[in-house]
Structure formats: structure tokens, C-alpha cells
Amino acid sequence: MNTNTITANMDGPRRFYWPPKYDLEETPMISKSQKERLTALIYQNILDEDERELKLMELEDMTEADADYSLYQFSSGKWE
């Protein structure tokens, strides 16, 4: 009679590990309303055309969290 049991985990004999679900989810990108508000703020607060165009191009690759932070910076007057 065999009473030994095999535990299958990351360090165990099966060595197969699938990452948790939260690692596979995509990062939410900037929403339409965030993009509209930031665009309006950029046009209101940045006078240099070259700098304005750079900021507008940055919006395309911005995540939702980055957009929230940028909105906070503009609302507090700490934009870069």
C-alpha cells in the first residue's frame, strides 16, 4: 500500500505554472471623456505650438491612470 502523495505546485514535480489572471488583463487605456478634457486643458494652458503638439501626441498612448494623474496636474497647476 502506497501512502505517499505528490503535491503539484510551482516548486513541485510538475513545474508548470500559469500566471494569475490579473497579469493577463490589459491595462485600460485613456477614455474618450478623459481625452476630451485633457485636449481642452492642453489648448488652454500650453501656448507653445511644438510643446502642445507633443502633449497631444502623448494622449494616444496614455493609460487611464496616467490620464487621471495628468488631469490632477492640470487642475492643481503643476503640469510639466
Protein backbone atom coordinates (compact mmCIF):
# COMPACT_ATOMS: atom_id res chain seq x y z
CA MET A 1 0.00 0.00 0.00
CA ASN A 2 1.43 3.35 -1.10
CA THR A 3 0.66 6.31 1.21
CA ASN A 4 2.91 8.87 -0.47
CA THR A 5 1.23 11.85 -2.11
CA ILE A 6 2.64 14.20 -4.68
CA THR A 7 1.99 17.90 -4.33
CA ALA A 8 1.79 19.81 -7.58
CA ASN A 9 2.78 23.41 -7.15
CA MET A 10 5.31 25.80 -8.63
CA ASP A 11 8.19 24.07 -6.85
CA GLY A 12 6.78 20.58 -7.14
CA PRO A 13 7.37 17.84 -9.70
CA ARG A 14 5.14 19.22 -12.43
CA ARG A 15 6.97 22.57 -12.85
CA PHE A 16 4.15 24.02 -14.93
CA TYR A 17 2.98 27.41 -13.74
CA TRP A 18 0.32 29.63 -15.27
CA PRO A 19 0.37 33.29 -14.15
CA PRO A 20 -2.63 34.64 -12.25
CA LYS A 21 -5.47 36.20 -14.22
CA TYR A 22 -4.66 39.78 -13.22
CA ASP A 23 -1.31 39.51 -15.00
CA LEU A 24 -3.05 38.65 -18.28
CA GLU A 25 -5.54 41.53 -18.30
CA GLU A 26 -4.84 44.56 -20.43
CA THR A 27 -4.24 47.95 -18.88
CA PRO A 28 -7.22 50.23 -19.52
CA MET A 29 -6.35 52.99 -21.97
CA ILE A 30 -7.46 56.60 -21.77
CA SER A 31 -11.23 57.06 -22.03
CA LYS A 32 -12.90 59.33 -24.54
CA SER A 33 -14.03 61.79 -21.87
CA GLN A 34 -10.55 61.95 -20.31
CA LYS A 35 -9.03 62.57 -23.72
CA GLU A 36 -11.51 65.37 -24.47
CA ARG A 37 -10.90 67.07 -21.12
CA LEU A 38 -7.12 66.82 -21.43
CA THR A 39 -7.20 68.11 -25.01
CA ALA A 40 -9.18 71.16 -23.89
CA LEU A 41 -6.79 71.77 -20.98
CA ILE A 42 -3.75 71.44 -23.24
CA TYR A 43 -5.14 74.01 -25.67
CA GLN A 44 -5.99 76.38 -22.79
CA ASN A 45 -2.74 76.12 -20.85
CA ILE A 46 0.10 75.40 -23.28
CA LEU A 47 0.90 78.31 -25.58
CA ASP A 48 3.95 76.95 -27.42
CA GLU A 49 2.70 75.08 -30.51
CA ASP A 50 5.51 72.50 -30.57
CA GLU A 51 5.05 71.63 -26.91
CA ARG A 52 1.28 71.48 -27.39
CA GLU A 53 1.62 69.03 -30.28
CA LEU A 54 3.94 66.81 -28.21
CA LYS A 55 1.43 66.72 -25.36
CA LEU A 56 -1.42 65.91 -27.77
CA MET A 57 0.59 63.03 -29.27
CA GLU A 58 1.25 61.64 -25.77
CA LEU A 59 -2.51 61.23 -25.26
CA GLU A 60 -2.67 58.38 -27.79
CA ASP A 61 -0.53 56.02 -25.68
CA MET A 62 -1.74 57.15 -22.27
CA THR A 63 -3.33 54.75 -19.80
CA GLU A 64 -6.38 55.57 -17.74
CA ALA A 65 -4.27 56.01 -14.60
CA ASP A 66 -1.83 58.31 -16.41
CA ALA A 67 -4.74 60.38 -17.68
CA ASP A 68 -6.13 60.73 -14.15
CA TYR A 69 -2.73 61.91 -12.93
CA SER A 70 -2.43 64.40 -15.81
CA LEU A 71 -5.90 65.77 -15.06
CA TYR A 72 -4.84 66.18 -11.44
CA GLN A 73 -1.68 68.02 -12.51
CA PHE A 74 -3.62 70.41 -14.73
CA SER A 75 -6.27 71.05 -12.07
CA SER A 76 -3.64 71.78 -9.43
CA GLY A 77 -1.48 73.89 -11.75
CA LYS A 78 1.51 71.53 -11.58
CA TRP A 79 1.65 70.46 -15.23
CA GLU A 80 5.00 69.87 -16.86
